[in-house]
């Protein structure tokens, strides 16, 4: 799914998927140790130096759906730790490297 990051928190990133938001837990953001910079509102890879912030466009895969009864929406769990997933710029970089 394609989405936009709407909030960064210590435990992950919330991604807008149309009318609802999904959560990518920090362990599912990238294949790197992920740190959180509260002042900048950024999740970053300690080795790769890649970062995620509000407004970034990302591609993720839905891994869990928990439906709730009543007026509350359920929860959607996402991952970005597979080839072809992650921040759109990361995907484009990987494609260019693969062609080289």
PDB file of N, CA and C in Angstrom:
ATOM      1  N   UNK A   1       0.839  -1.176   0.000  1.00  0.00           N
ATOM      2  CA  UNK A   1       0.000   0.000   0.000  1.00  0.00           C
ATOM      3  C   UNK A   1       0.887   1.243   0.000  1.00  0.00           C
ATOM      4  N   UNK A   2       0.398   2.289  -0.614  1.00  0.00           N
ATOM      5  CA  UNK A   2       1.094   3.578  -0.591  1.00  0.00           C
ATOM      6  C   UNK A   2       0.442   4.460   0.457  1.00  0.00           C
ATOM      7  N   UNK A   3       1.250   5.224   1.165  1.00  0.00           N
ATOM      8  CA  UNK A   3       0.710   6.103   2.181  1.00  0.00           C
ATOM      9  C   UNK A   3       1.655   7.241   2.488  1.00  0.00           C
ATOM     10  N   UNK A   4       1.204   8.094   3.401  1.00  0.00           N
ATOM     11  CA  UNK A   4       1.997   9.249   3.827  1.00  0.00           C
ATOM     12  C   UNK A   4       2.140   9.206   5.337  1.00  0.00           C
ATOM     13  N   UNK A   5       3.347   9.472   5.817  1.00  0.00           N
ATOM     14  CA  UNK A   5       3.576   9.491   7.259  1.00  0.00           C
ATOM     15  C   UNK A   5       2.903  10.727   7.843  1.00  0.00           C
ATOM     16  N   UNK A   6       2.027  10.491   8.837  1.00  0.00           N
ATOM     17  CA  UNK A   6       1.303  11.595   9.459  1.00  0.00           C
ATOM     18  C   UNK A   6       1.776  11.882  10.879  1.00  0.00           C
ATOM     19  N   UNK A   7       2.494  10.915  11.485  1.00  0.00           N
ATOM     20  CA  UNK A   7       3.014  11.148  12.836  1.00  0.00           C
ATOM     21  C   UNK A   7       4.170  10.188  13.109  1.00  0.00           C
ATOM     22  N   UNK A   8       5.213  10.720  13.743  1.00  0.00           N
ATOM     23  CA  UNK A   8       6.353   9.914  14.176  1.00  0.00           C
ATOM     24  C   UNK A   8       6.349   9.919  15.701  1.00  0.00           C
ATOM     25  N   UNK A   9       6.424   8.733  16.283  1.00  0.00           N
ATOM     26  CA  UNK A   9       6.479   8.594  17.736  1.00  0.00           C
ATOM     27  C   UNK A   9       7.641   7.668  18.087  1.00  0.00           C
ATOM     28  N   UNK A  10       7.951   7.567  19.362  1.00  0.00           N
ATOM     29  CA  UNK A  10       9.102   6.777  19.798  1.00  0.00           C
ATOM     30  C   UNK A  10       9.011   5.315  19.369  1.00  0.00           C
ATOM     31  N   UNK A  11       7.799   4.779  19.298  1.00  0.00           N
ATOM     32  CA  UNK A  11       7.627   3.356  18.989  1.00  0.00           C
ATOM     33  C   UNK A  11       7.318   3.070  17.524  1.00  0.00           C
ATOM     34  N   UNK A  12       7.265   4.110  16.673  1.00  0.00           N
ATOM     35  CA  UNK A  12       7.020   3.854  15.256  1.00  0.00           C
ATOM     36  C   UNK A  12       6.476   5.049  14.504  1.00  0.00           C
ATOM     37  N   UNK A  13       5.880   4.745  13.345  1.00  0.00           N
ATOM     38  CA  UNK A  13       5.345   5.794  12.472  1.00  0.00           C
ATOM     39  C   UNK A  13       3.913   5.450  12.092  1.00  0.00           C
ATOM     40  N   UNK A  14       3.034   6.450  12.151  1.00  0.00           N
ATOM     41  CA  UNK A  14       1.660   6.277  11.705  1.00  0.00           C
ATOM     42  C   UNK A  14       1.565   6.725  10.254  1.00  0.00           C
ATOM     43  N   UNK A  15       0.949   5.885   9.432  1.00  0.00           N
ATOM     44  CA  UNK A  15       0.857   6.136   7.998  1.00  0.00           C
ATOM     45  C   UNK A  15      -0.604   6.241   7.596  1.00  0.00           C
ATOM     46  N   UNK A  16      -0.945   7.317   6.893  1.00  0.00           N
ATOM     47  CA  UNK A  16      -2.307   7.528   6.414  1.00  0.00           C
ATOM     48  C   UNK A  16      -2.553   6.652   5.201  1.00  0.00           C
ATOM     49  N   UNK A  17      -3.560   5.786   5.318  1.00  0.00           N
ATOM     50  CA  UNK A  17      -3.957   4.888   4.231  1.00  0.00           C
ATOM     51  C   UNK A  17      -5.400   5.215   3.867  1.00  0.00           C
ATOM     52  N   UNK A  18      -5.604   6.301   3.170  1.00  0.00           N
ATOM     53  CA  UNK A  18      -6.975   6.712   2.868  1.00  0.00           C
ATOM     54  C   UNK A  18      -7.648   7.226   4.125  1.00  0.00           C
ATOM     55  N   UNK A  19      -8.802   6.657   4.506  1.00  0.00           N
ATOM     56  CA  UNK A  19      -9.551   7.183   5.653  1.00  0.00           C
ATOM     57  C   UNK A  19      -9.024   6.731   7.016  1.00  0.00           C
ATOM     58  N   UNK A  20      -8.078   5.796   7.054  1.00  0.00           N
ATOM     59  CA  UNK A  20      -7.563   5.301   8.331  1.00  0.00           C
ATOM     60  C   UNK A  20      -6.037   5.328   8.339  1.00  0.00           C
ATOM     61  N   UNK A  21      -5.473   5.183   9.533  1.00  0.00           N
ATOM     62  CA  UNK A  21      -4.019   5.160   9.692  1.00  0.00           C
ATOM     63  C   UNK A  21      -3.564   3.767  10.103  1.00  0.00           C
ATOM     64  N   UNK A  22      -2.367   3.395   9.663  1.00  0.00           N
ATOM     65  CA  UNK A  22      -1.730   2.154  10.078  1.00  0.00           C
ATOM     66  C   UNK A  22      -0.449   2.491  10.813  1.00  0.00           C
ATOM     67  N   UNK A  23       0.080   1.521  11.565  1.00  0.00           N
ATOM     68  CA  UNK A  23       1.299   1.729  12.341  1.00  0.00           C
ATOM     69  C   UNK A  23       2.413   0.825  11.842  1.00  0.00           C
ATOM     70  N   UNK A  24       3.575   1.429  11.597  1.00  0.00           N
ATOM     71  CA  UNK A  24       4.798   0.672  11.346  1.00  0.00           C
ATOM     72  C   UNK A  24       5.614   0.767  12.629  1.00  0.00           C
ATOM     73  N   UNK A  25       5.766  -0.352  13.334  1.00  0.00           N
ATOM     74  CA  UNK A  25       6.562  -0.380  14.564  1.00  0.00           C
ATOM     75  C   UNK A  25       8.030  -0.140  14.203  1.00  0.00           C
ATOM     76  N   UNK A  26       8.805   0.421  15.123  1.00  0.00           N
ATOM     77  CA  UNK A  26      10.215   0.721  14.841  1.00  0.00           C
ATOM     78  C   UNK A  26      10.980  -0.508  14.359  1.00  0.00           C
ATOM     79  N   UNK A  27      10.611  -1.682  14.832  1.00  0.00           N
ATOM     80  CA  UNK A  27      11.305  -2.906  14.415  1.00  0.00           C
ATOM     81  C   UNK A  27      11.001  -3.276  12.971  1.00  0.00           C
ATOM     82  N   UNK A  28       9.991  -2.636  12.366  1.00  0.00           N
ATOM     83  CA  UNK A  28       9.578  -2.950  11.004  1.00  0.00           C
ATOM     84  C   UNK A  28       9.847  -1.813  10.019  1.00  0.00           C
ATOM     85  N   UNK A  29      10.558  -0.772  10.460  1.00  0.00           N
ATOM     86  CA  UNK A  29      10.804   0.394   9.603  1.00  0.00           C
ATOM     87  C   UNK A  29      11.878   0.116   8.553  1.00  0.00           C
ATOM     88  N   UNK A  30      13.006  -0.462   8.968  1.00  0.00           N
ATOM     89  CA  UNK A  30      14.111  -0.726   8.043  1.00  0.00           C
ATOM     90  C   UNK A  30      15.027  -1.781   8.640  1.00  0.00           C
ATOM     91  N   UNK A  31      15.908  -2.326   7.810  1.00  0.00           N
ATOM     92  CA  UNK A  31      16.882  -3.317   8.268  1.00  0.00           C
ATOM     93  C   UNK A  31      18.100  -2.601   8.850  1.00  0.00           C
ATOM     94  N   UNK A  32      17.908  -1.978   9.979  1.00  0.00           N
ATOM     95  CA  UNK A  32      18.942  -1.198  10.648  1.00  0.00           C
ATOM     96  C   UNK A  32      18.459  -0.966  12.076  1.00  0.00           C
ATOM     97  N   UNK A  33      19.366  -0.596  12.972  1.00  0.00           N
ATOM     98  CA  UNK A  33      18.945  -0.205  14.311  1.00  0.00           C
ATOM     99  C   UNK A  33      18.336   1.182  14.185  1.00  0.00           C
ATOM    100  N   UNK A  34      17.101   1.341  14.637  1.00  0.00           N
ATOM    101  CA  UNK A  34      16.372   2.594  14.438  1.00  0.00           C
ATOM    102  C   UNK A  34      16.381   3.423  15.714  1.00  0.00           C
ATOM    103  N   UNK A  35      16.764   4.691  15.564  1.00  0.00           N
ATOM    104  CA  UNK A  35      16.741   5.641  16.669  1.00  0.00           C
ATOM    105  C   UNK A  35      15.617   6.639  16.466  1.00  0.00           C
ATOM    106  N   UNK A  36      15.284   7.358  17.538  1.00  0.00           N
ATOM    107  CA  UNK A  36      14.211   8.354  17.494  1.00  0.00           C
ATOM    108  C   UNK A  36      14.751   9.681  17.996  1.00  0.00           C
ATOM    109  N   UNK A  37      14.609  10.719  17.179  1.00  0.00           N
ATOM    110  CA  UNK A  37      15.002  12.071  17.561  1.00  0.00           C
ATOM    111  C   UNK A  37      13.726  12.845  17.866  1.00  0.00           C
ATOM    112  N   UNK A  38      13.429  13.013  19.151  1.00  0.00           N
ATOM    113  CA  UNK A  38      12.182  13.659  19.566  1.00  0.00           C
ATOM    114  C   UNK A  38      12.114  15.119  19.119  1.00  0.00           C
ATOM    115  N   UNK A  39      13.244  15.839  19.195  1.00  0.00           N
ATOM    116  CA  UNK A  39      13.254  17.254  18.821  1.00  0.00           C
ATOM    117  C   UNK A  39      12.909  17.456  17.349  1.00  0.00           C
ATOM    118  N   UNK A  40      13.458  16.601  16.481  1.00  0.00           N
ATOM    119  CA  UNK A  40      13.217  16.722  15.045  1.00  0.00           C
ATOM    120  C   UNK A  40      12.002  15.926  14.591  1.00  0.00           C
ATOM    121  N   UNK A  41      11.503  15.031  15.436  1.00  0.00           N
ATOM    122  CA  UNK A  41      10.378  14.184  15.062  1.00  0.00           C
ATOM    123  C   UNK A  41      10.748  13.232  13.938  1.00  0.00           C
ATOM    124  N   UNK A  42      11.899  12.561  14.094  1.00  0.00           N
ATOM    125  CA  UNK A  42      12.450  11.732  13.022  1.00  0.00           C
ATOM    126  C   UNK A  42      12.836  10.358  13.560  1.00  0.00           C
ATOM    127  N   UNK A  43      12.564   9.322  12.760  1.00  0.00           N
ATOM    128  CA  UNK A  43      13.134   7.999  12.987  1.00  0.00           C
ATOM    129  C   UNK A  43      14.300   7.878  12.027  1.00  0.00           C
ATOM    130  N   UNK A  44      15.448   7.349  12.498  1.00  0.00           N
ATOM    131  CA  UNK A  44      16.620   7.283  11.627  1.00  0.00           C
ATOM    132  C   UNK A  44      17.363   5.966  11.829  1.00  0.00           C
ATOM    133  N   UNK A  45      18.002   5.511  10.760  1.00  0.00           N
ATOM    134  CA  UNK A  45      18.838   4.319  10.816  1.00  0.00           C
ATOM    135  C   UNK A  45      20.221   4.701  11.298  1.00  0.00           C
ATOM    136  N   UNK A  46      20.704   4.034  12.339  1.00  0.00           N
ATOM    137  CA  UNK A  46      21.999   4.407  12.923  1.00  0.00           C
ATOM    138  C   UNK A  46      23.165   4.128  11.988  1.00  0.00           C
ATOM    139  N   UNK A  47      23.100   3.072  11.173  1.00  0.00           N
ATOM    140  CA  UNK A  47      24.187   2.772  10.237  1.00  0.00           C
ATOM    141  C   UNK A  47      23.926   3.356   8.853  1.00  0.00           C
ATOM    142  N   UNK A  48      22.704   3.212   8.365  1.00  0.00           N
ATOM    143  CA  UNK A  48      22.394   3.649   6.998  1.00  0.00           C
ATOM    144  C   UNK A  48      22.205   5.160   6.887  1.00  0.00           C
ATOM    145  N   UNK A  49      21.926   5.829   8.018  1.00  0.00           N
ATOM    146  CA  UNK A  49      21.666   7.278   8.056  1.00  0.00           C
ATOM    147  C   UNK A  49      20.374   7.659   7.321  1.00  0.00           C
ATOM    148  N   UNK A  50      19.551   6.682   6.984  1.00  0.00           N
ATOM    149  CA  UNK A  50      18.255   6.985   6.366  1.00  0.00           C
ATOM    150  C   UNK A  50      17.310   7.500   7.443  1.00  0.00           C
ATOM    151  N   UNK A  51      16.356   8.357   7.036  1.00  0.00           N
ATOM    152  CA  UNK A  51      15.433   8.908   8.025  1.00  0.00           C
ATOM    153  C   UNK A  51      14.012   8.977   7.481  1.00  0.00           C
ATOM    154  N   UNK A  52      13.066   8.986   8.409  1.00  0.00           N
ATOM    155  CA  UNK A  52      11.645   9.138   8.097  1.00  0.00           C
ATOM    156  C   UNK A  52      11.099  10.293   8.910  1.00  0.00           C
ATOM    157  N   UNK A  53      10.276  11.128   8.263  1.00  0.00           N
ATOM    158  CA  UNK A  53       9.655  12.249   8.962  1.00  0.00           C
ATOM    159  C   UNK A  53       8.229  12.420   8.446  1.00  0.00           C
ATOM    160  N   UNK A  54       7.464  13.251   9.130  1.00  0.00           N
ATOM    161  CA  UNK A  54       6.094  13.520   8.700  1.00  0.00           C
ATOM    162  C   UNK A  54       6.090  14.051   7.273  1.00  0.00           C
ATOM    163  N   UNK A  55       5.128  13.583   6.486  1.00  0.00           N
ATOM    164  CA  UNK A  55       5.000  14.033   5.106  1.00  0.00           C
ATOM    165  C   UNK A  55       5.686  13.136   4.095  1.00  0.00           C
ATOM    166  N   UNK A  56       6.587  12.245   4.548  1.00  0.00           N
ATOM    167  CA  UNK A  56       7.261  11.331   3.622  1.00  0.00           C
ATOM    168  C   UNK A  56       6.260  10.346   3.026  1.00  0.00           C
ATOM    169  N   UNK A  57       6.421  10.067   1.746  1.00  0.00           N
ATOM    170  CA  UNK A  57       5.607   9.062   1.052  1.00  0.00           C
ATOM    171  C   UNK A  57       6.321   7.721   1.177  1.00  0.00           C
ATOM    172  N   UNK A  58       5.557   6.683   1.524  1.00  0.00           N
ATOM    173  CA  UNK A  58       6.143   5.365   1.741  1.00  0.00           C
ATOM    174  C   UNK A  58       5.287   4.274   1.099  1.00  0.00           C
ATOM    175  N   UNK A  59       5.933   3.134   0.887  1.00  0.00           N
ATOM    176  CA  UNK A  59       5.237   1.928   0.446  1.00  0.00           C
ATOM    177  C   UNK A  59       5.426   0.893   1.554  1.00  0.00           C
ATOM    178  N   UNK A  60       4.312   0.298   1.991  1.00  0.00           N
ATOM    179  CA  UNK A  60       4.355  -0.678   3.078  1.00  0.00           C
ATOM    180  C   UNK A  60       3.474  -1.872   2.725  1.00  0.00           C
ATOM    181  N   UNK A  61       3.599  -2.917   3.535  1.00  0.00           N
ATOM    182  CA  UNK A  61       2.763  -4.104   3.367  1.00  0.00           C
ATOM    183  C   UNK A  61       1.968  -4.299   4.647  1.00  0.00           C
ATOM    184  N   UNK A  62       0.685  -4.591   4.499  1.00  0.00           N
ATOM    185  CA  UNK A  62      -0.168  -4.853   5.656  1.00  0.00           C
ATOM    186  C   UNK A  62       0.168  -6.240   6.195  1.00  0.00           C
ATOM    187  N   UNK A  63       0.455  -6.320   7.496  1.00  0.00           N
ATOM    188  CA  UNK A  63       0.775  -7.615   8.112  1.00  0.00           C
ATOM    189  C   UNK A  63      -0.276  -8.053   9.128  1.00  0.00           C
ATOM    190  N   UNK A  64      -0.990  -7.111   9.728  1.00  0.00           N
ATOM    191  CA  UNK A  64      -2.053  -7.467  10.668  1.00  0.00           C
ATOM    192  C   UNK A  64      -3.215  -6.495  10.553  1.00  0.00           C
ATOM    193  N   UNK A  65      -4.409  -7.027  10.767  1.00  0.00           N
ATOM    194  CA  UNK A  65      -5.615  -6.206  10.825  1.00  0.00           C
ATOM    195  C   UNK A  65      -6.410  -6.674  12.031  1.00  0.00           C
ATOM    196  N   UNK A  66      -6.744  -5.756  12.916  1.00  0.00           N
ATOM    197  CA  UNK A  66      -7.530  -6.057  14.104  1.00  0.00           C
ATOM    198  C   UNK A  66      -8.792  -5.212  14.034  1.00  0.00           C
ATOM    199  N   UNK A  67      -9.923  -5.855  13.819  1.00  0.00           N
ATOM    200  CA  UNK A  67     -11.181  -5.125  13.679  1.00  0.00           C
ATOM    201  C   UNK A  67     -11.839  -4.920  15.033  1.00  0.00           C
ATOM    202  N   UNK A  68     -12.458  -3.761  15.205  1.00  0.00           N
ATOM    203  CA  UNK A  68     -13.178  -3.431  16.436  1.00  0.00           C
ATOM    204  C   UNK A  68     -14.654  -3.283  16.111  1.00  0.00           C
ATOM    205  N   UNK A  69     -15.480  -3.607  17.080  1.00  0.00           N
ATOM    206  CA  UNK A  69     -16.919  -3.401  16.905  1.00  0.00           C
ATOM    207  C   UNK A  69     -17.277  -1.996  17.364  1.00  0.00           C
ATOM    208  N   UNK A  70     -18.377  -1.494  16.849  1.00  0.00           N
ATOM    209  CA  UNK A  70     -18.819  -0.167  17.250  1.00  0.00           C
ATOM    210  C   UNK A  70     -18.266   0.901  16.326  1.00  0.00           C
ATOM    211  N   UNK A  71     -18.108   2.092  16.850  1.00  0.00           N
ATOM    212  CA  UNK A  71     -17.706   3.228  16.032  1.00  0.00           C
ATOM    213  C   UNK A  71     -16.202   3.337  15.834  1.00  0.00           C
ATOM    214  N   UNK A  72     -15.410   2.716  16.711  1.00  0.00           N
ATOM    215  CA  UNK A  72     -13.953   2.818  16.580  1.00  0.00           C
ATOM    216  C   UNK A  72     -13.440   1.964  15.435  1.00  0.00           C
ATOM    217  N   UNK A  73     -12.471   2.493  14.732  1.00  0.00           N
ATOM    218  CA  UNK A  73     -11.819   1.730  13.661  1.00  0.00           C
ATOM    219  C   UNK A  73     -10.861   0.724  14.283  1.00  0.00           C
ATOM    220  N   UNK A  74     -10.521  -0.289  13.537  1.00  0.00           N
ATOM    221  CA  UNK A  74      -9.564  -1.285  14.008  1.00  0.00           C
ATOM    222  C   UNK A  74      -8.142  -0.779  13.877  1.00  0.00           C
ATOM    223  N   UNK A  75      -7.205  -1.693  14.092  1.00  0.00           N
ATOM    224  CA  UNK A  75      -5.788  -1.356  13.984  1.00  0.00           C
ATOM    225  C   UNK A  75      -5.197  -2.078  12.784  1.00  0.00           C
ATOM    226  N   UNK A  76      -4.280  -1.395  12.100  1.00  0.00           N
ATOM    227  CA  UNK A  76      -3.588  -1.989  10.962  1.00  0.00           C
ATOM    228  C   UNK A  76      -2.095  -1.942  11.255  1.00  0.00           C
ATOM    229  N   UNK A  77      -1.463  -3.103  11.216  1.00  0.00           N
ATOM    230  CA  UNK A  77      -0.021  -3.201  11.414  1.00  0.00           C
ATOM    231  C   UNK A  77       0.669  -3.319  10.066  1.00  0.00           C
ATOM    232  N   UNK A  78       1.757  -2.579   9.887  1.00  0.00           N
ATOM    233  CA  UNK A  78       2.461  -2.522   8.607  1.00  0.00           C
ATOM    234  C   UNK A  78       3.934  -2.876   8.771  1.00  0.00           C
ATOM    235  N   UNK A  79       4.563  -3.284   7.669  1.00  0.00           N
ATOM    236  CA  UNK A  79       6.005  -3.485   7.642  1.00  0.00           C
ATOM    237  C   UNK A  79       6.586  -2.794   6.414  1.00  0.00           C
ATOM    238  N   UNK A  80       7.847  -2.380   6.532  1.00  0.00           N
ATOM    239  CA  UNK A  80       8.573  -1.801   5.400  1.00  0.00           C
ATOM    240  C   UNK A  80       9.944  -2.452   5.272  1.00  0.00           C
ATOM    241  N   UNK A  81      10.107  -3.669   5.818  1.00  0.00           N
ATOM    242  CA  UNK A  81      11.416  -4.323   5.863  1.00  0.00           C
ATOM    243  C   UNK A  81      11.619  -5.356   4.767  1.00  0.00           C
ATOM    244  N   UNK A  82      11.054  -5.163   3.615  1.00  0.00           N
ATOM    245  CA  UNK A  82      11.245  -6.095   2.513  1.00  0.00           C
ATOM    246  C   UNK A  82      11.617  -5.319   1.260  1.00  0.00           C
ATOM    247  N   UNK A  83      12.243  -5.986   0.292  1.00  0.00           N
ATOM    248  CA  UNK A  83      12.577  -5.301  -0.963  1.00  0.00           C
ATOM    249  C   UNK A  83      11.324  -4.693  -1.600  1.00  0.00           C
ATOM    250  N   UNK A  84      11.472  -3.483  -2.118  1.00  0.00           N
ATOM    251  CA  UNK A  84      10.349  -2.799  -2.758  1.00  0.00           C
ATOM    252  C   UNK A  84       9.468  -2.042  -1.792  1.00  0.00           C
ATOM    253  N   UNK A  85       9.829  -2.044  -0.509  1.00  0.00           N
ATOM    254  CA  UNK A  85       9.059  -1.323   0.502  1.00  0.00           C
ATOM    255  C   UNK A  85       9.938  -0.264   1.152  1.00  0.00           C
ATOM    256  N   UNK A  86       9.302   0.722   1.777  1.00  0.00           N
ATOM    257  CA  UNK A  86      10.031   1.782   2.480  1.00  0.00           C
ATOM    258  C   UNK A  86       9.704   3.141   1.891  1.00  0.00           C
ATOM    259  N   UNK A  87      10.512   4.098   2.241  1.00  0.00           N
ATOM    260  CA  UNK A  87      10.368   5.455   1.710  1.00  0.00           C
ATOM    261  C   UNK A  87      10.577   5.401   0.197  1.00  0.00           C
ATOM    262  N   UNK A  88       9.782   6.128  -0.550  1.00  0.00           N
ATOM    263  CA  UNK A  88       9.833   6.077  -2.014  1.00  0.00           C
ATOM    264  C   UNK A  88      11.243   6.355  -2.527  1.00  0.00           C
ATOM    265  N   UNK A  89      11.971   7.290  -1.919  1.00  0.00           N
ATOM    266  CA  UNK A  89      13.339   7.601  -2.343  1.00  0.00           C
ATOM    267  C   UNK A  89      14.256   6.392  -2.165  1.00  0.00           C
ATOM    268  N   UNK A  90      14.056   5.607  -1.082  1.00  0.00           N
ATOM    269  CA  UNK A  90      14.883   4.415  -0.852  1.00  0.00           C
ATOM    270  C   UNK A  90      14.639   3.375  -1.939  1.00  0.00           C
ATOM    271  N   UNK A  91      13.380   3.228  -2.335  1.00  0.00           N
ATOM    272  CA  UNK A  91      13.026   2.251  -3.371  1.00  0.00           C
ATOM    273  C   UNK A  91      13.675   2.642  -4.692  1.00  0.00           C
ATOM    274  N   UNK A  92      13.622   3.940  -5.033  1.00  0.00           N
ATOM    275  CA  UNK A  92      14.235   4.419  -6.277  1.00  0.00           C
ATOM    276  C   UNK A  92      15.749   4.223  -6.252  1.00  0.00           C
ATOM    277  N   UNK A  93      16.397   4.478  -5.108  1.00  0.00           N
ATOM    278  CA  UNK A  93      17.845   4.259  -4.982  1.00  0.00           C
ATOM    279  C   UNK A  93      18.190   2.791  -5.210  1.00  0.00           C
ATOM    280  N   UNK A  94      17.406   1.891  -4.627  1.00  0.00           N
ATOM    281  CA  UNK A  94      17.660   0.452  -4.766  1.00  0.00           C
ATOM    282  C   UNK A  94      17.512   0.010  -6.219  1.00  0.00           C
ATOM    283  N   UNK A  95      16.531   0.568  -6.930  1.00  0.00           N
ATOM    284  CA  UNK A  95      16.341   0.228  -8.348  1.00  0.00           C
ATOM    285  C   UNK A  95      17.529   0.696  -9.178  1.00  0.00           C
ATOM    286  N   UNK A  96      18.030   1.903  -8.905  1.00  0.00           N
ATOM    287  CA  UNK A  96      19.182   2.427  -9.644  1.00  0.00           C
ATOM    288  C   UNK A  96      20.420   1.580  -9.384  1.00  0.00           C
ATOM    289  N   UNK A  97      20.622   1.167  -8.127  1.00  0.00           N
ATOM    290  CA  UNK A  97      21.770   0.328  -7.782  1.00  0.00           C
ATOM    291  C   UNK A  97      21.673  -1.035  -8.455  1.00  0.00           C
ATOM    292  N   UNK A  98      20.464  -1.569  -8.559  1.00  0.00           N
ATOM    293  CA  UNK A  98      20.272  -2.881  -9.185  1.00  0.00           C
ATOM    294  C   UNK A  98      20.574  -2.834 -10.682  1.00  0.00           C
ATOM    295  N   UNK A  99      20.292  -1.694 -11.317  1.00  0.00           N
ATOM    296  CA  UNK A  99      20.549  -1.542 -12.756  1.00  0.00           C
ATOM    297  C   UNK A  99      22.033  -1.345 -13.041  1.00  0.00           C
ATOM    298  N   UNK A 100      22.763  -0.789 -12.086  1.00  0.00           N
ATOM    299  CA  UNK A 100      24.188  -0.482 -12.293  1.00  0.00           C
ATOM    300  C   UNK A 100      25.057  -1.719 -12.282  1.00  0.00           C
TER     301      UNK A 100
END
